[in-house]
Each structure stands twice: as structure tokens, then as C-alpha cells.
C-alpha atoms as a PDB file:
ATOM      1  CA  MET A   1     -13.601  69.126  -7.223  1.00  0.00           C
ATOM      2  CA  CYS A   2     -12.071  65.874  -8.474  1.00  0.00           C
ATOM      3  CA  GLU A   3     -13.027  64.130  -5.257  1.00  0.00           C
ATOM      4  CA  GLN A   4     -16.638  65.295  -5.547  1.00  0.00           C
ATOM      5  CA  VAL A   5     -17.056  63.629  -8.934  1.00  0.00           C
ATOM      6  CA  GLY A   6     -15.287  60.411  -7.940  1.00  0.00           C
ATOM      7  CA  LEU A   7     -11.895  61.065  -9.547  1.00  0.00           C
ATOM      8  CA  TYR A   8     -10.019  60.056  -6.415  1.00  0.00           C
ATOM      9  CA  GLY A   9      -6.732  59.344  -8.186  1.00  0.00           C
ATOM     10  CA  ARG A  10      -6.630  62.832  -9.663  1.00  0.00           C
ATOM     11  CA  ALA A  11      -7.720  64.350  -6.361  1.00  0.00           C
ATOM     12  CA  LEU A  12      -4.818  62.600  -4.638  1.00  0.00           C
ATOM     13  CA  GLN A  13      -2.310  63.716  -7.268  1.00  0.00           C
ATOM     14  CA  PHE A  14      -3.288  67.372  -6.959  1.00  0.00           C
ATOM     15  CA  ASN A  15      -3.581  67.442  -3.178  1.00  0.00           C
ATOM     16  CA  ASN A  16      -1.053  69.115  -0.894  1.00  0.00           C
ATOM     17  CA  ASN A  17      -2.937  68.868   2.398  1.00  0.00           C
ATOM     18  CA  ILE A  18      -2.053  65.655   4.249  1.00  0.00           C
ATOM     19  CA  GLN A  19      -5.384  65.448   6.105  1.00  0.00           C
ATOM     20  CA  ASP A  20      -7.328  65.733   2.866  1.00  0.00           C
ATOM     21  CA  ALA A  21      -5.043  63.145   1.283  1.00  0.00           C
ATOM     22  CA  GLN A  22      -5.633  60.731   4.158  1.00  0.00           C
ATOM     23  CA  ARG A  23      -9.403  61.059   3.592  1.00  0.00           C
ATOM     24  CA  ILE A  24      -9.064  60.572  -0.165  1.00  0.00           C
ATOM     25  CA  MET A  25      -6.885  57.479   0.291  1.00  0.00           C
ATOM     26  CA  LEU A  26      -9.739  55.707   2.063  1.00  0.00           C
ATOM     27  CA  ASN A  27     -11.235  55.329  -1.427  1.00  0.00           C
ATOM     28  CA  SER A  28      -8.359  53.028  -2.353  1.00  0.00           C
ATOM     29  CA  HIS A  29     -10.686  50.807  -4.390  1.00  0.00           C
ATOM     30  CA  ALA A  30     -11.067  53.664  -6.892  1.00  0.00           C
ATOM     31  CA  ILE A  31      -7.435  54.827  -7.023  1.00  0.00           C
ATOM     32  CA  PRO A  32      -4.902  53.100  -9.292  1.00  0.00           C
ATOM     33  CA  LYS A  33      -2.198  51.558  -7.129  1.00  0.00           C
ATOM     34  CA  GLU A  34       0.544  53.316  -9.098  1.00  0.00           C
ATOM     35  CA  ILE A  35      -0.887  56.705  -8.128  1.00  0.00           C
ATOM     36  CA  MET A  36      -1.225  55.629  -4.517  1.00  0.00           C
ATOM     37  CA  ILE A  37       2.349  54.306  -4.346  1.00  0.00           C
ATOM     38  CA  GLU A  38       3.708  57.445  -6.025  1.00  0.00           C
ATOM     39  CA  PHE A  39       1.886  59.651  -3.532  1.00  0.00           C
ATOM     40  CA  PHE A  40       3.495  57.851  -0.586  1.00  0.00           C
ATOM     41  CA  GLY A  41       6.869  58.845  -2.025  1.00  0.00           C
ATOM     42  CA  LYS A  42       6.012  62.500  -1.384  1.00  0.00           C
ATOM     43  CA  MET A  43       5.102  61.966   2.277  1.00  0.00           C
ATOM     44  CA  SER A  44       7.256  61.985   5.414  1.00  0.00           C
ATOM     45  CA  GLU A  45       7.907  58.712   7.260  1.00  0.00           C
ATOM     46  CA  GLU A  46       5.376  59.564   9.955  1.00  0.00           C
ATOM     47  CA  ASP A  47       2.678  60.468   7.421  1.00  0.00           C
ATOM     48  CA  CYS A  48       3.418  57.284   5.456  1.00  0.00           C
ATOM     49  CA  LEU A  49       2.926  55.171   8.555  1.00  0.00           C
ATOM     50  CA  VAL A  50      -0.326  56.939   9.418  1.00  0.00           C
ATOM     51  CA  GLY A  51      -1.552  56.491   5.837  1.00  0.00           C
ATOM     52  CA  MET A  52      -0.580  52.815   5.770  1.00  0.00           C
ATOM     53  CA  ASN A  53      -2.297  52.291   9.114  1.00  0.00           C
ATOM     54  CA  ASN A  54      -5.471  54.004   7.881  1.00  0.00           C
ATOM     55  CA  LEU A  55      -5.497  51.885   4.731  1.00  0.00           C
ATOM     56  CA  MET A  56      -5.238  48.700   6.775  1.00  0.00           C
ATOM     57  CA  ARG A  57      -7.942  49.806   9.215  1.00  0.00           C
ATOM     58  CA  SER A  58     -10.350  50.821   6.463  1.00  0.00           C
ATOM     59  CA  ASN A  59     -10.030  47.569   4.505  1.00  0.00           C
ATOM     60  CA  ARG A  60      -7.849  44.534   5.176  1.00  0.00           C
ATOM     61  CA  GLN A  61      -7.749  43.880   1.436  1.00  0.00           C
ATOM     62  CA  ASN A  62      -5.340  46.814   1.210  1.00  0.00           C
ATOM     63  CA  GLY A  63      -2.655  44.541   2.714  1.00  0.00           C
ATOM     64  CA  PRO A  64      -0.858  43.836  -0.587  1.00  0.00           C
ATOM     65  CA  LEU A  65      -0.863  47.550  -1.452  1.00  0.00           C
ATOM     66  CA  VAL A  66       0.520  48.498   1.965  1.00  0.00           C
ATOM     67  CA  ALA A  67       3.174  45.785   1.662  1.00  0.00           C
ATOM     68  CA  GLU A  68       4.189  47.087  -1.760  1.00  0.00           C
ATOM     69  CA  ILE A  69       4.465  50.619  -0.371  1.00  0.00           C
ATOM     70  CA  ALA A  70       6.572  49.357   2.538  1.00  0.00           C
ATOM     71  CA  VAL A  71       8.944  47.515   0.188  1.00  0.00           C
ATOM     72  CA  LYS A  72       9.275  50.375  -2.286  1.00  0.00           C
ATOM     73  CA  TYR A  73      10.043  52.937   0.412  1.00  0.00           C
ATOM     74  CA  ALA A  74      11.982  50.686   2.800  1.00  0.00           C
ATOM     75  CA  SER A  75      14.862  53.162   2.812  1.00  0.00           C
ATOM     76  CA  LYS A  76      12.508  55.908   3.994  1.00  0.00           C
ATOM     77  CA  ILE A  77      10.142  53.997   6.301  1.00  0.00           C
ATOM     78  CA  ASP A  78      11.490  51.993   9.244  1.00  0.00           C
ATOM     79  CA  THR A  79      11.020  48.311   8.413  1.00  0.00           C
ATOM     80  CA  LYS A  80       9.986  47.331  11.945  1.00  0.00           C
ATOM     81  CA  LYS A  81       7.275  49.992  11.942  1.00  0.00           C
ATOM     82  CA  SER A  82       6.033  48.817   8.533  1.00  0.00           C
ATOM     83  CA  ILE A  83       5.833  45.234   9.767  1.00  0.00           C
ATOM     84  CA  HIS A  84       3.899  46.402  12.820  1.00  0.00           C
ATOM     85  CA  VAL A  85       1.349  48.094  10.539  1.00  0.00           C
ATOM     86  CA  LEU A  86       0.969  44.921   8.484  1.00  0.00           C
ATOM     87  CA  GLU A  87       0.450  42.775  11.562  1.00  0.00           C
END
């Protein structure tokens, strides 16, 4: 319901389905970066990489956000894979 009315940040916070979350994240322009970064902390390494890749493909302006996610979760996400996403 939150997604339908444009509350993408709330929709992401209350979402447990990774495929739905990936779709919601494509509205990164309307989601506070703190919420987005926090959500990546709940995901597995593989899901994080897929999400970061989708963010970069949807809008190159998400680069700083993806870089911040990669730095914050460097212990969880392989650094080489994060760099590959950013390239």
C-alpha cells in the first residue's frame, strides 16, 4: 500500500520479499539514503550485489549511494565485486 501512494521509503522498510524490494529500490530518488543504506544491511551479499547493480543500471547518479553502501558493508560484501559494480 505504501508503494502505491508513493511512500517508497516506508514500503522498503516494511518489505520482506527481496524481489519486491528490488523493484521499490528503483525509485531511489524518492527514498532517503539512510533508509536505503539500512535496508542493504538486512540483505545477503548476493542480494546486495544484485541491488547495487540494479541501482547503477537504473540511474548512474546512484553511484555515490552505491559507493556508500559498498564502504559501509565492506566486511559483508566482497570489495572486488563492489568495485566491479561501480565500474
